[in-house]
């Protein structure tokens, strides 16, 4: 029970920490939702969120500049860094 509550607390904290560390300039950019059919034109990565310690699929964000100089903020799903083999 304590382990489950700890994981919930860590996951919740990580999501709020991810939002808090988002660069100010990117907060004015609309968030695009990534799908497998989304065409990506990434010339330079400006910022990436940290992946939380969780053994679940969690949202992550990346702020990037395309080849035409336009800035994008994209949200996608990743596996958390909290899974332990064994």
N, C-alpha and C. Protein backbone atom coordinates (compact mmCIF):
# COMPACT_ATOMS: atom_id res chain seq x y z
N UNK A 1 0.81 -1.19 0.00
CA UNK A 1 0.00 0.00 0.00
C UNK A 1 0.86 1.26 0.00
N UNK A 2 1.90 1.27 0.85
CA UNK A 2 2.78 2.43 0.91
C UNK A 2 3.49 2.65 -0.41
N UNK A 3 3.90 1.53 -1.06
CA UNK A 3 4.59 1.64 -2.34
C UNK A 3 3.67 2.24 -3.40
N UNK A 4 2.41 1.84 -3.39
CA UNK A 4 1.45 2.37 -4.37
C UNK A 4 1.24 3.86 -4.15
N UNK A 5 1.10 4.29 -2.89
CA UNK A 5 0.93 5.71 -2.60
C UNK A 5 2.16 6.51 -2.98
N UNK A 6 3.34 5.93 -2.75
CA UNK A 6 4.59 6.60 -3.14
C UNK A 6 4.66 6.79 -4.64
N UNK A 7 4.28 5.76 -5.40
CA UNK A 7 4.31 5.87 -6.87
C UNK A 7 3.32 6.93 -7.36
N UNK A 8 2.15 6.99 -6.74
CA UNK A 8 1.16 8.00 -7.12
C UNK A 8 1.72 9.40 -6.84
N UNK A 9 2.34 9.55 -5.69
CA UNK A 9 2.91 10.85 -5.33
C UNK A 9 4.02 11.25 -6.29
N UNK A 10 4.91 10.31 -6.61
CA UNK A 10 6.02 10.60 -7.52
C UNK A 10 5.50 10.96 -8.89
N UNK A 11 4.53 10.18 -9.39
CA UNK A 11 3.97 10.43 -10.72
C UNK A 11 3.31 11.80 -10.77
N UNK A 12 2.53 12.14 -9.76
CA UNK A 12 1.86 13.44 -9.72
C UNK A 12 2.86 14.57 -9.63
N UNK A 13 3.88 14.41 -8.80
CA UNK A 13 4.92 15.43 -8.66
C UNK A 13 5.67 15.60 -9.98
N UNK A 14 5.98 14.49 -10.65
CA UNK A 14 6.73 14.56 -11.90
C UNK A 14 5.96 15.30 -12.98
N UNK A 15 4.66 15.06 -13.04
CA UNK A 15 3.85 15.76 -14.04
C UNK A 15 3.82 17.25 -13.77
N UNK A 16 3.70 17.64 -12.49
CA UNK A 16 3.70 19.06 -12.18
C UNK A 16 5.09 19.67 -12.38
N UNK A 17 6.14 18.90 -12.12
CA UNK A 17 7.50 19.38 -12.34
C UNK A 17 7.75 19.57 -13.82
N UNK A 18 7.22 18.68 -14.66
CA UNK A 18 7.38 18.80 -16.10
C UNK A 18 6.76 20.11 -16.57
N UNK A 19 5.57 20.43 -16.09
CA UNK A 19 4.90 21.67 -16.49
C UNK A 19 5.67 22.88 -15.98
N UNK A 20 6.23 22.78 -14.80
CA UNK A 20 6.94 23.91 -14.21
C UNK A 20 8.25 24.22 -14.92
N UNK A 21 8.86 23.23 -15.55
CA UNK A 21 10.14 23.45 -16.19
C UNK A 21 10.02 23.80 -17.67
N UNK A 22 8.81 23.94 -18.16
CA UNK A 22 8.59 24.29 -19.55
C UNK A 22 9.09 25.71 -19.80
N UNK A 23 9.90 25.92 -20.84
CA UNK A 23 10.41 27.26 -21.12
C UNK A 23 9.29 28.28 -21.33
N UNK A 24 9.50 29.51 -20.90
CA UNK A 24 8.48 30.55 -21.01
C UNK A 24 8.04 30.81 -22.45
N UNK A 25 8.99 30.84 -23.39
CA UNK A 25 8.65 31.11 -24.79
C UNK A 25 7.73 30.03 -25.34
N UNK A 26 7.91 28.79 -24.90
CA UNK A 26 7.11 27.70 -25.42
C UNK A 26 5.68 27.72 -24.90
N UNK A 27 5.43 28.38 -23.78
CA UNK A 27 4.08 28.40 -23.23
C UNK A 27 3.11 29.16 -24.14
N UNK A 28 3.63 29.97 -25.05
CA UNK A 28 2.80 30.71 -25.99
C UNK A 28 2.54 29.92 -27.27
N UNK A 29 3.22 28.81 -27.42
CA UNK A 29 3.10 27.97 -28.61
C UNK A 29 2.03 26.92 -28.34
N UNK A 30 1.09 26.70 -29.25
CA UNK A 30 0.09 25.65 -29.01
C UNK A 30 0.74 24.27 -28.97
N UNK A 31 0.26 23.43 -28.10
CA UNK A 31 0.79 22.08 -27.96
C UNK A 31 0.17 21.19 -29.03
N UNK A 32 1.03 20.57 -29.82
CA UNK A 32 0.58 19.62 -30.84
C UNK A 32 0.64 18.22 -30.26
N UNK A 33 -0.35 17.39 -30.53
CA UNK A 33 -0.36 16.02 -30.05
C UNK A 33 0.24 15.11 -31.13
N UNK A 34 1.28 14.38 -30.77
CA UNK A 34 1.96 13.49 -31.71
C UNK A 34 1.16 12.21 -31.92
N UNK A 35 1.07 11.77 -33.16
CA UNK A 35 0.58 10.44 -33.52
C UNK A 35 1.60 9.85 -34.49
N UNK A 36 1.48 8.57 -34.75
CA UNK A 36 2.45 7.93 -35.66
C UNK A 36 2.40 8.52 -37.06
N UNK A 37 1.31 9.14 -37.43
CA UNK A 37 1.22 9.75 -38.77
C UNK A 37 1.64 11.22 -38.80
N UNK A 38 2.06 11.77 -37.66
CA UNK A 38 2.49 13.16 -37.60
C UNK A 38 3.84 13.32 -38.30
N UNK A 39 3.90 14.16 -39.34
CA UNK A 39 5.20 14.38 -39.99
C UNK A 39 6.08 15.28 -39.10
N UNK A 40 7.31 14.86 -38.88
CA UNK A 40 8.22 15.64 -38.06
C UNK A 40 9.33 16.23 -38.91
N UNK A 41 9.55 17.51 -38.74
CA UNK A 41 10.62 18.24 -39.42
C UNK A 41 11.42 18.94 -38.33
N UNK A 42 12.36 18.22 -37.71
CA UNK A 42 13.10 18.74 -36.57
C UNK A 42 14.50 19.14 -37.01
N UNK A 43 14.75 20.45 -37.02
CA UNK A 43 16.08 20.95 -37.36
C UNK A 43 16.92 21.12 -36.10
N UNK A 44 16.26 21.54 -35.00
CA UNK A 44 16.98 21.76 -33.74
C UNK A 44 16.03 21.53 -32.58
N UNK A 45 16.48 20.73 -31.61
CA UNK A 45 15.71 20.53 -30.39
C UNK A 45 16.09 21.63 -29.41
N UNK A 46 15.09 22.36 -28.92
CA UNK A 46 15.31 23.46 -27.98
C UNK A 46 15.23 22.94 -26.54
N UNK A 47 14.27 22.06 -26.27
CA UNK A 47 14.03 21.60 -24.91
C UNK A 47 13.25 20.29 -24.94
N UNK A 48 13.54 19.42 -23.99
CA UNK A 48 12.78 18.17 -23.82
C UNK A 48 12.48 18.01 -22.34
N UNK A 49 11.28 17.55 -22.03
CA UNK A 49 10.92 17.31 -20.63
C UNK A 49 11.67 16.08 -20.12
N UNK A 50 11.85 16.02 -18.81
CA UNK A 50 12.47 14.84 -18.22
C UNK A 50 11.41 13.76 -18.10
N UNK A 51 11.83 12.51 -18.21
CA UNK A 51 10.92 11.38 -18.11
C UNK A 51 10.79 11.02 -16.63
N UNK A 52 9.56 10.98 -16.10
CA UNK A 52 9.38 10.71 -14.68
C UNK A 52 9.72 9.27 -14.30
N UNK A 53 9.97 9.07 -13.02
CA UNK A 53 10.23 7.73 -12.48
C UNK A 53 8.87 7.10 -12.24
N UNK A 54 8.44 6.29 -13.18
CA UNK A 54 7.14 5.64 -13.13
C UNK A 54 7.22 4.42 -14.04
N UNK A 55 6.45 3.41 -13.74
CA UNK A 55 6.43 2.22 -14.60
C UNK A 55 5.13 2.22 -15.41
N UNK A 56 4.80 3.36 -15.96
CA UNK A 56 3.60 3.54 -16.76
C UNK A 56 3.95 4.35 -18.00
N UNK A 57 3.02 4.40 -18.92
CA UNK A 57 3.16 5.28 -20.07
C UNK A 57 2.80 6.68 -19.58
N UNK A 58 3.68 7.64 -19.84
CA UNK A 58 3.52 9.00 -19.34
C UNK A 58 3.70 10.01 -20.48
N UNK A 59 3.11 11.20 -20.35
CA UNK A 59 3.31 12.22 -21.38
C UNK A 59 4.69 12.87 -21.26
N UNK A 60 5.24 13.23 -22.40
CA UNK A 60 6.49 13.98 -22.47
C UNK A 60 6.31 15.07 -23.51
N UNK A 61 7.13 16.11 -23.43
CA UNK A 61 7.04 17.21 -24.39
C UNK A 61 8.40 17.55 -24.95
N UNK A 62 8.38 18.06 -26.18
CA UNK A 62 9.60 18.51 -26.83
C UNK A 62 9.30 19.82 -27.54
N UNK A 63 10.18 20.78 -27.35
CA UNK A 63 10.12 22.07 -28.02
C UNK A 63 11.21 22.03 -29.09
N UNK A 64 10.85 22.25 -30.34
CA UNK A 64 11.84 22.18 -31.41
C UNK A 64 11.58 23.23 -32.48
N UNK A 65 12.59 23.44 -33.30
CA UNK A 65 12.51 24.37 -34.43
C UNK A 65 12.61 23.55 -35.71
N UNK A 66 11.69 23.82 -36.64
CA UNK A 66 11.71 23.08 -37.90
C UNK A 66 12.68 23.72 -38.90
N UNK A 67 12.80 23.13 -40.08
CA UNK A 67 13.76 23.62 -41.08
C UNK A 67 13.42 25.00 -41.63
N UNK A 68 12.20 25.47 -41.40
CA UNK A 68 11.80 26.81 -41.85
C UNK A 68 11.93 27.85 -40.73
N UNK A 69 12.42 27.42 -39.55
CA UNK A 69 12.62 28.35 -38.44
C UNK A 69 11.41 28.51 -37.53
N UNK A 70 10.34 27.74 -37.75
CA UNK A 70 9.15 27.84 -36.92
C UNK A 70 9.30 26.94 -35.69
N UNK A 71 8.91 27.47 -34.52
CA UNK A 71 9.01 26.72 -33.28
C UNK A 71 7.75 25.89 -33.04
N UNK A 72 7.92 24.68 -32.55
CA UNK A 72 6.81 23.76 -32.27
C UNK A 72 6.96 23.20 -30.86
N UNK A 73 5.84 22.88 -30.25
CA UNK A 73 5.81 22.18 -28.97
C UNK A 73 4.93 20.96 -29.18
N UNK A 74 5.52 19.78 -29.02
CA UNK A 74 4.79 18.55 -29.29
C UNK A 74 4.75 17.68 -28.04
N UNK A 75 3.60 17.07 -27.81
CA UNK A 75 3.44 16.16 -26.68
C UNK A 75 3.29 14.75 -27.23
N UNK A 76 3.97 13.81 -26.60
CA UNK A 76 3.95 12.41 -27.03
C UNK A 76 3.99 11.52 -25.80
N UNK A 77 3.79 10.23 -25.99
CA UNK A 77 3.75 9.28 -24.89
C UNK A 77 5.05 8.46 -24.85
N UNK A 78 5.60 8.28 -23.66
CA UNK A 78 6.81 7.46 -23.46
C UNK A 78 6.61 6.56 -22.26
N UNK A 79 7.44 5.54 -22.16
CA UNK A 79 7.42 4.68 -20.99
C UNK A 79 8.28 5.35 -19.90
N UNK A 80 7.78 5.39 -18.69
CA UNK A 80 8.51 6.00 -17.58
C UNK A 80 9.78 5.25 -17.26
N UNK A 81 10.66 5.88 -16.50
CA UNK A 81 11.96 5.30 -16.16
C UNK A 81 11.94 4.49 -14.86
N UNK A 82 10.77 4.09 -14.36
CA UNK A 82 10.69 3.44 -13.08
C UNK A 82 10.54 1.94 -13.09
N UNK A 83 10.56 1.31 -14.26
CA UNK A 83 10.38 -0.15 -14.32
C UNK A 83 11.70 -0.85 -13.98
N UNK A 84 11.57 -1.92 -13.21
CA UNK A 84 12.74 -2.69 -12.80
C UNK A 84 12.59 -4.11 -13.32
N UNK A 85 13.58 -4.61 -14.03
CA UNK A 85 13.57 -6.00 -14.50
C UNK A 85 13.87 -6.91 -13.32
N UNK A 86 13.23 -8.06 -13.33
CA UNK A 86 13.63 -9.03 -12.32
C UNK A 86 12.50 -9.69 -11.72
